[in-house]
């Protein structure tokens, strides 16, 4: 799938629904509850850096990567050395600075339409993590009212089929994206790099 023209979107000057300037509430909940301890963190699809900067303010050592060089330029202008930002095509390039204890993506995984691309994304996340490291992904959900715009929708089965071979799913639940003042249904998926491969079903 050709990537959408992300750089052009940032250059347009139009408001971008994912670039709200406010840390994602689901990320905030996980960090401030202590569910995820500070360490080296990777923010995939970091945009202009809002969530990466939030993590840095909570004692994480953060690398943010985005396919848009313009987004990365805007992120670098905000940080005064608290985070590192790099233009990286995560589907095809290893991020710098790893391995990481924590990977976060808010709506990056779900932009890929093909099953094999989402599976490769999950494989790349696992490769970037230390053993036992965790990935928090916020994914557009097939639940909720019909809509013509907003985050891509992925079914629970699509998410699990992509992730489960590479990572152990620890938590999978319904949540919400805040987009343009609306609360749109999302999946919240927390998974951990596997110590042993996923096992086939028993016959007994």
Protein backbone atom coordinates (compact mmCIF):
# COMPACT_ATOMS: atom_id res chain seq x y z
CA UNK A 1 0.00 0.00 0.00
CA UNK A 2 1.48 3.40 -0.91
CA UNK A 3 1.80 5.61 2.13
CA UNK A 4 -0.64 8.53 2.26
CA UNK A 5 1.08 11.88 1.65
CA UNK A 6 1.84 12.47 5.32
CA UNK A 7 4.41 15.19 4.69
CA UNK A 8 1.95 17.09 2.52
CA UNK A 9 -0.67 16.86 5.27
CA UNK A 10 1.69 18.51 7.75
CA UNK A 11 2.73 21.13 5.17
CA UNK A 12 -0.89 22.08 4.39
CA UNK A 13 -1.33 24.03 7.62
CA UNK A 14 -4.78 22.47 8.10
CA UNK A 15 -5.64 21.10 11.58
CA UNK A 16 -4.76 17.41 11.79
CA UNK A 17 -7.13 15.33 13.94
CA UNK A 18 -4.35 13.21 15.44
CA UNK A 19 -2.14 16.22 16.23
CA UNK A 20 -4.18 17.67 19.09
CA UNK A 21 -1.30 18.89 21.25
CA UNK A 22 -2.74 16.90 24.20
CA UNK A 23 -1.25 13.57 25.38
CA UNK A 24 -3.52 10.64 24.66
CA UNK A 25 -5.73 9.85 27.70
CA UNK A 26 -5.20 6.10 27.36
CA UNK A 27 -1.43 6.59 27.45
CA UNK A 28 -1.75 8.94 30.43
CA UNK A 29 -3.87 6.35 32.27
CA UNK A 30 -1.30 3.61 31.73
CA UNK A 31 1.67 5.73 32.78
CA UNK A 32 0.13 7.48 35.76
CA UNK A 33 -1.34 4.25 37.13
CA UNK A 34 2.15 2.74 37.17
CA UNK A 35 1.13 -0.03 34.76
CA UNK A 36 4.18 0.82 32.60
CA UNK A 37 7.44 1.70 34.35
CA UNK A 38 9.86 4.34 32.99
CA UNK A 39 12.62 3.13 30.68
CA UNK A 40 13.70 3.47 27.06
CA UNK A 41 10.59 4.17 24.96
CA UNK A 42 9.82 4.31 21.25
CA UNK A 43 6.89 6.35 19.91
CA UNK A 44 6.03 5.09 16.42
CA UNK A 45 4.20 7.62 14.23
CA UNK A 46 5.11 10.32 16.74
CA UNK A 47 3.87 13.25 14.63
CA UNK A 48 4.94 16.53 16.18
CA UNK A 49 5.93 14.82 19.42
CA UNK A 50 3.13 15.40 21.93
CA UNK A 51 3.07 11.88 23.38
CA UNK A 52 6.85 11.45 23.23
CA UNK A 53 7.34 14.69 25.16
CA UNK A 54 4.78 13.54 27.73
CA UNK A 55 6.75 10.32 28.21
CA UNK A 56 10.02 12.25 28.58
CA UNK A 57 8.37 14.38 31.28
CA UNK A 58 7.61 11.14 33.13
CA UNK A 59 11.21 9.87 33.25
CA UNK A 60 11.27 7.90 29.99
CA UNK A 61 14.22 8.11 27.60
CA UNK A 62 12.32 8.56 24.34
CA UNK A 63 12.93 8.11 20.62
CA UNK A 64 10.09 9.30 18.39
CA UNK A 65 9.95 8.19 14.75
CA UNK A 66 7.68 9.32 11.95
CA UNK A 67 7.64 8.84 8.19
CA UNK A 68 7.11 12.60 7.72
CA UNK A 69 10.35 14.62 7.89
CA UNK A 70 8.29 17.77 8.39
CA UNK A 71 6.55 16.30 11.45
CA UNK A 72 9.95 15.34 12.85
CA UNK A 73 11.24 18.86 12.23
CA UNK A 74 8.27 20.30 14.13
CA UNK A 75 8.80 17.82 16.99
CA UNK A 76 12.50 18.69 17.28
CA UNK A 77 11.61 22.37 17.59
CA UNK A 78 9.62 21.63 20.77
CA UNK A 79 11.96 19.57 22.89
CA UNK A 80 15.25 21.19 23.91
CA UNK A 81 17.01 17.83 24.03
CA UNK A 82 14.48 15.91 26.13
CA UNK A 83 13.66 13.49 23.28
CA UNK A 84 15.26 12.28 20.08
CA UNK A 85 13.20 12.45 16.89
CA UNK A 86 14.07 10.77 13.58
CA UNK A 87 12.40 10.38 10.18
CA UNK A 88 11.99 6.60 9.82
CA UNK A 89 9.73 4.37 7.73
CA UNK A 90 9.03 1.92 10.56
CA UNK A 91 7.62 -0.76 8.27
CA UNK A 92 10.93 -0.95 6.39
CA UNK A 93 13.62 0.47 8.72
CA UNK A 94 14.82 -0.34 12.22
CA UNK A 95 14.45 2.60 14.61
CA UNK A 96 17.59 3.99 16.24
CA UNK A 97 18.30 3.86 19.95
CA UNK A 98 16.92 0.44 20.77
CA UNK A 99 16.21 -1.97 22.20
CA UNK A 100 13.32 -0.45 24.15
CA UNK A 101 11.34 -1.39 27.25
CA UNK A 102 8.19 0.27 25.87
CA UNK A 103 6.77 0.94 22.41
CA UNK A 104 3.74 3.18 21.89
CA UNK A 105 1.68 3.91 18.84
CA UNK A 106 -1.48 5.94 18.66
CA UNK A 107 -3.10 5.01 15.39
CA UNK A 108 -0.03 4.06 13.35
CA UNK A 109 -0.50 0.26 13.23
CA UNK A 110 -4.07 0.65 11.97
CA UNK A 111 -3.12 2.75 8.91
CA UNK A 112 -1.94 -0.38 7.09
CA UNK A 113 -4.70 -2.06 5.08
CA UNK A 114 -3.01 -5.35 4.25
CA UNK A 115 -2.79 -8.24 6.73
CA UNK A 116 0.87 -8.88 5.93
CA UNK A 117 1.76 -5.22 6.56
CA UNK A 118 0.16 -5.23 10.00
CA UNK A 119 1.91 -8.52 10.79
CA UNK A 120 5.23 -7.01 9.69
CA UNK A 121 4.56 -3.95 11.89
CA UNK A 122 4.06 -6.25 14.89
CA UNK A 123 7.19 -8.23 14.02
CA UNK A 124 9.17 -4.99 13.85
CA UNK A 125 7.80 -3.92 17.24
CA UNK A 126 8.91 -7.22 18.76
CA UNK A 127 12.37 -6.81 17.20
CA UNK A 128 12.67 -3.35 18.77
CA UNK A 129 11.75 -4.55 22.28
CA UNK A 130 13.88 -6.06 25.01
CA UNK A 131 12.70 -9.45 26.27
CA UNK A 132 9.56 -8.79 28.28
CA UNK A 133 9.16 -5.30 26.82
CA UNK A 134 5.62 -4.07 26.16
CA UNK A 135 3.76 -2.38 23.31
CA UNK A 136 0.66 -0.21 23.78
CA UNK A 137 -1.28 0.27 20.53
CA UNK A 138 -4.45 2.33 20.10
CA UNK A 139 -6.38 1.07 17.10
CA UNK A 140 -9.52 2.25 15.32
CA UNK A 141 -12.39 -0.12 16.11
CA UNK A 142 -15.20 -1.63 14.06
CA UNK A 143 -17.52 -0.78 16.95
CA UNK A 144 -19.55 2.41 17.14
CA UNK A 145 -21.86 4.26 14.78
CA UNK A 146 -21.26 4.38 11.01
CA UNK A 147 -18.92 7.17 9.90
CA UNK A 148 -17.23 8.25 6.69
CA UNK A 149 -14.16 9.87 8.24
CA UNK A 150 -11.88 9.27 11.21
CA UNK A 151 -9.42 6.53 12.16
CA UNK A 152 -9.31 3.39 9.99
CA UNK A 153 -11.38 0.58 11.51
CA UNK A 154 -9.86 -2.80 12.31
CA UNK A 155 -11.67 -5.78 13.77
CA UNK A 156 -10.51 -7.48 16.94
CA UNK A 157 -9.66 -10.55 14.84
CA UNK A 158 -7.49 -8.51 12.45
CA UNK A 159 -5.58 -6.97 15.35
CA UNK A 160 -5.01 -10.28 17.13
CA UNK A 161 -4.05 -12.19 13.97
CA UNK A 162 -1.33 -9.62 13.30
CA UNK A 163 0.03 -9.32 16.82
CA UNK A 164 -0.30 -12.74 18.47
CA UNK A 165 2.44 -14.58 16.52
CA UNK A 166 5.06 -12.03 17.66
CA UNK A 167 3.79 -10.82 21.03
CA UNK A 168 1.72 -12.09 23.94
CA UNK A 169 -1.49 -10.08 24.29
CA UNK A 170 -1.84 -8.98 27.91
CA UNK A 171 -4.88 -6.74 27.63
CA UNK A 172 -7.40 -6.06 24.88
CA UNK A 173 -10.34 -3.80 25.57
CA UNK A 174 -12.60 -1.15 24.14
CA UNK A 175 -11.67 2.51 24.50
CA UNK A 176 -12.01 5.77 22.65
CA UNK A 177 -10.09 8.14 20.42
CA UNK A 178 -10.70 11.83 20.94
CA UNK A 179 -10.88 13.23 17.39
CA UNK A 180 -12.13 16.75 16.61
CA UNK A 181 -14.15 16.84 19.82
CA UNK A 182 -15.74 13.44 19.16
CA UNK A 183 -15.14 10.21 21.08
CA UNK A 184 -14.69 7.44 18.50
CA UNK A 185 -14.45 3.77 19.41
CA UNK A 186 -10.97 2.28 19.62
CA UNK A 187 -9.23 -0.90 20.71
CA UNK A 188 -6.60 -0.62 23.44
CA UNK A 189 -4.10 -3.43 23.01
CA UNK A 190 -1.24 -4.02 25.45
CA UNK A 191 1.13 -6.82 24.47
CA UNK A 192 4.52 -8.17 25.55
CA UNK A 193 7.44 -9.57 23.59
CA UNK A 194 7.29 -13.33 23.76
CA UNK A 195 9.71 -15.43 25.77
CA UNK A 196 8.37 -18.57 24.05
CA UNK A 197 6.46 -18.91 20.75
CA UNK A 198 2.66 -18.98 20.63
CA UNK A 199 1.56 -22.58 21.10
CA UNK A 200 -0.95 -24.53 18.98
CA UNK A 201 -4.26 -25.56 20.46
CA UNK A 202 -4.44 -28.80 22.41
CA UNK A 203 -6.68 -31.57 21.06
CA UNK A 204 -7.79 -32.53 24.58
